[in-house]
Amino acid sequence: MSENNVKNLLLQLQQALAEGGAVDDETLAMAKKLDKEINAFIASAEDVNSPELDDAIALEARFAVNHPVAERLIRELIDSLGRIGI
């Protein structure tokens, strides 16, 4: 999976959260932080130890009960990040 696919999944996640109803402010902040971190990581050529995967896993757990579409998207995102080496 390419970096473009990861960016597309991030966009779909943001859209699902916007359309999905009541999402608490902390979860929205976490999702925005994850989006920013992953985009910054993709833009950089540095091989650094990144917390993005841990952030994504934490979001997946938050979405499991109340936001099944967002949970599915974050699971795909986690899988995609693993494929590109994050």
Protein backbone atom coordinates (compact mmCIF):
# COMPACT_ATOMS: atom_id res chain seq x y z
CA MET A 1 0.00 0.00 0.00
CA SER A 2 1.35 3.39 -0.93
CA GLU A 3 1.64 6.61 0.99
CA ASN A 4 -1.24 7.99 -1.09
CA ASN A 5 -3.47 5.21 0.17
CA VAL A 6 -2.51 6.06 3.76
CA LYS A 7 -3.38 9.70 3.12
CA ASN A 8 -6.70 8.62 1.60
CA LEU A 9 -7.51 6.51 4.66
CA LEU A 10 -6.72 9.47 6.91
CA LEU A 11 -9.09 11.62 4.87
CA GLN A 12 -11.82 8.96 5.05
CA LEU A 13 -11.33 8.75 8.82
CA GLN A 14 -11.75 12.51 9.21
CA GLN A 15 -14.90 12.39 7.07
CA ALA A 16 -16.33 9.46 9.03
CA LEU A 17 -15.76 11.29 12.29
CA ALA A 18 -17.37 14.46 10.94
CA GLU A 19 -20.43 12.53 9.75
CA GLY A 20 -20.56 9.98 12.56
CA GLY A 21 -22.25 12.00 15.23
CA ALA A 22 -21.08 12.55 18.77
CA VAL A 23 -17.33 12.14 19.10
CA ASP A 24 -15.77 13.54 22.23
CA ASP A 25 -13.28 16.39 21.94
CA GLU A 26 -10.35 14.31 23.22
CA THR A 27 -10.90 11.65 20.56
CA LEU A 28 -11.19 14.28 17.83
CA ALA A 29 -7.96 15.86 19.05
CA MET A 30 -6.23 12.47 18.99
CA ALA A 31 -7.42 11.83 15.43
CA LYS A 32 -6.20 15.24 14.26
CA LYS A 33 -2.85 14.71 15.99
CA LEU A 34 -2.49 11.31 14.33
CA ASP A 35 -3.28 12.82 10.93
CA LYS A 36 -0.70 15.56 11.42
CA GLU A 37 1.99 13.16 12.70
CA ILE A 38 1.54 10.65 9.90
CA ASN A 39 1.56 13.32 7.21
CA ALA A 40 4.72 14.83 8.72
CA PHE A 41 6.35 11.40 8.87
CA ILE A 42 5.48 10.65 5.25
CA ALA A 43 6.80 14.06 4.17
CA SER A 44 10.13 13.51 5.91
CA ALA A 45 12.76 11.18 4.58
CA GLU A 46 14.13 10.49 8.04
CA ASP A 47 13.95 7.04 9.57
CA VAL A 48 12.89 7.97 13.07
CA ASN A 49 11.23 6.09 15.86
CA SER A 50 7.62 7.25 15.50
CA PRO A 51 4.66 6.99 17.89
CA GLU A 52 2.06 7.07 15.11
CA LEU A 53 1.24 3.38 15.27
CA ASP A 54 0.66 3.54 19.04
CA ASP A 55 -1.62 6.56 18.55
CA ALA A 56 -3.55 4.73 15.85
CA ILE A 57 -4.03 1.67 18.06
CA ALA A 58 -5.28 3.87 20.91
CA LEU A 59 -7.82 5.47 18.56
CA GLU A 60 -8.98 2.08 17.32
CA ALA A 61 -9.81 1.06 20.87
CA ARG A 62 -11.79 4.29 21.42
CA PHE A 63 -13.80 3.76 18.23
CA ALA A 64 -14.58 0.07 18.82
CA VAL A 65 -17.89 0.59 20.60
CA ASN A 66 -19.41 3.79 19.24
CA HIS A 67 -17.86 4.38 15.83
CA PRO A 68 -17.61 1.13 13.82
CA VAL A 69 -16.84 2.88 10.51
CA ALA A 70 -14.02 4.86 12.08
CA GLU A 71 -12.76 1.67 13.75
CA ARG A 72 -12.61 -0.11 10.39
CA LEU A 73 -10.79 2.82 8.80
CA ILE A 74 -8.27 3.06 11.62
CA ARG A 75 -7.63 -0.73 11.38
CA GLU A 76 -6.95 -0.33 7.65
CA LEU A 77 -4.70 2.60 8.46
CA ILE A 78 -2.74 0.56 11.01
CA ASP A 79 -2.30 -2.23 8.46
CA SER A 80 -1.20 0.27 5.80
CA LEU A 81 1.30 1.92 8.11
CA GLY A 82 2.80 -1.47 8.82
CA ARG A 83 3.15 -2.16 5.12
CA ILE A 84 5.08 1.05 4.48
CA GLY A 85 7.34 0.50 7.44
CA ILE A 86 5.94 2.76 10.13
